[in-house]
Protein backbone atom coordinates (compact mmCIF):
# COMPACT_ATOMS: atom_id res chain seq x y z
CA MET A 1 95.85 88.17 -54.17
CA PRO A 2 97.51 88.57 -50.85
CA THR A 3 98.92 91.96 -49.74
CA ILE A 4 102.69 92.31 -49.75
CA GLN A 5 103.74 93.56 -46.13
CA HIS A 6 106.99 95.47 -45.89
CA ILE A 7 108.92 94.72 -42.85
CA ASP A 8 111.90 97.10 -42.04
CA ILE A 9 114.82 95.27 -40.68
CA THR A 10 117.38 98.17 -40.88
CA PRO A 11 119.45 98.09 -37.72
CA THR A 12 119.68 101.00 -35.44
CA TRP A 13 122.92 103.03 -35.26
CA ARG A 14 123.15 101.83 -31.55
CA SER A 15 123.13 98.21 -32.56
CA VAL A 16 125.59 98.69 -35.37
CA VAL A 17 128.01 100.53 -32.97
CA GLY A 18 127.96 97.66 -30.43
CA ILE A 19 128.68 95.09 -33.24
CA LEU A 20 131.54 97.33 -34.59
CA ILE A 21 133.08 97.66 -31.23
CA GLU A 22 132.91 93.98 -30.64
CA VAL A 23 134.56 93.20 -34.06
CA ALA A 24 137.21 96.02 -33.70
CA ALA A 25 138.27 94.41 -30.44
CA ASN A 26 137.78 90.76 -30.96
CA GLY A 27 137.38 90.24 -34.70
CA GLU A 28 138.81 86.94 -36.06
CA THR A 29 141.04 88.60 -38.59
CA SER A 30 143.10 91.76 -38.64
CA ARG A 31 141.16 92.81 -41.79
CA ALA A 32 137.85 92.56 -39.90
CA ARG A 33 139.25 94.46 -37.01
CA LEU A 34 140.53 97.16 -39.35
CA GLU A 35 137.32 97.42 -41.39
CA ALA A 36 135.25 97.79 -38.01
CA ARG A 37 137.61 100.68 -36.93
CA ASN A 38 137.31 102.31 -40.31
CA GLU A 39 133.61 102.01 -40.20
CA LEU A 40 133.25 103.44 -36.68
CA GLY A 41 135.45 106.40 -37.97
CA ARG A 42 133.13 106.86 -40.94
CA MET A 43 130.11 106.80 -38.56
CA ALA A 44 131.81 109.49 -36.46
CA ASP A 45 132.42 111.61 -39.54
CA LEU A 46 128.70 111.41 -40.41
CA ALA A 47 127.65 112.39 -36.91
CA ASP A 48 130.23 115.38 -36.90
CA GLY A 49 128.69 116.44 -40.28
CA TYR A 50 125.17 116.21 -38.92
CA ALA A 51 126.15 118.23 -35.75
CA ALA A 52 127.62 120.98 -38.08
CA LEU A 53 124.51 121.07 -40.18
CA SER A 54 122.33 121.35 -37.07
CA ILE A 55 124.46 124.28 -35.86
CA LYS A 56 124.16 126.04 -39.22
CA SER A 57 120.42 125.43 -39.45
CA GLU A 58 119.96 126.99 -35.89
CA ASP A 59 122.10 130.09 -36.86
CA ARG A 60 119.85 130.58 -39.91
CA ARG A 61 116.81 130.28 -37.86
CA THR A 62 117.97 132.81 -35.36
CA ALA A 63 118.82 135.19 -37.98
CA LEU A 64 115.38 134.87 -39.71
CA GLU A 65 113.65 135.18 -36.38
CA LEU A 66 115.53 138.54 -35.81
CA ILE A 67 114.85 139.73 -39.18
CA ALA A 68 111.13 138.72 -38.96
CA SER A 69 110.61 140.42 -35.62
CA PRO A 70 107.50 142.60 -35.50
CA MET A 71 107.16 146.32 -35.92
CA ARG A 72 107.46 148.47 -32.72
CA PRO A 73 104.27 150.24 -31.68
CA ASP A 74 105.91 153.62 -32.92
CA GLY A 75 106.20 152.12 -36.43
CA THR A 76 109.90 151.47 -36.40
CA TRP A 77 111.61 148.16 -36.60
CA ASN A 78 113.74 146.36 -34.02
CA ARG A 79 116.61 145.97 -36.45
CA ASP A 80 117.87 148.25 -39.25
CA ARG A 81 118.48 146.93 -42.69
CA GLU A 82 122.15 146.85 -42.47
CA ALA A 83 122.13 144.86 -39.23
CA CYS A 84 119.64 142.33 -40.97
CA ARG A 85 121.96 142.06 -44.00
CA GLN A 86 124.94 141.31 -41.81
CA LEU A 87 123.04 138.72 -39.91
CA ALA A 88 122.02 136.89 -43.14
CA VAL A 89 125.62 136.98 -44.50
CA GLU A 90 126.96 135.55 -41.36
CA ALA A 91 124.32 132.82 -41.28
CA LEU A 92 124.84 131.88 -44.90
CA LYS A 93 128.67 131.70 -44.56
CA ARG A 94 128.67 128.93 -41.96
């Protein structure tokens, strides 16, 4: 029996944007132009959401790196417990 091969034909975001820009500017109907503009807006919202998640993730990583910093040679920590708690609260709020 022959092996079934999977070919991914998912378009890239860049190629979709180019098509949508062309349709938004020169689509044959007003509905096509409107739908292309709406889809560009939806894609922009998704990109904004991704950017916000990236910032939140980086903030959490920074807080965890500070909390996980090693003990000093004298046996004390670089951060006190309350400072760590505040970092965690701020990172989790965003």
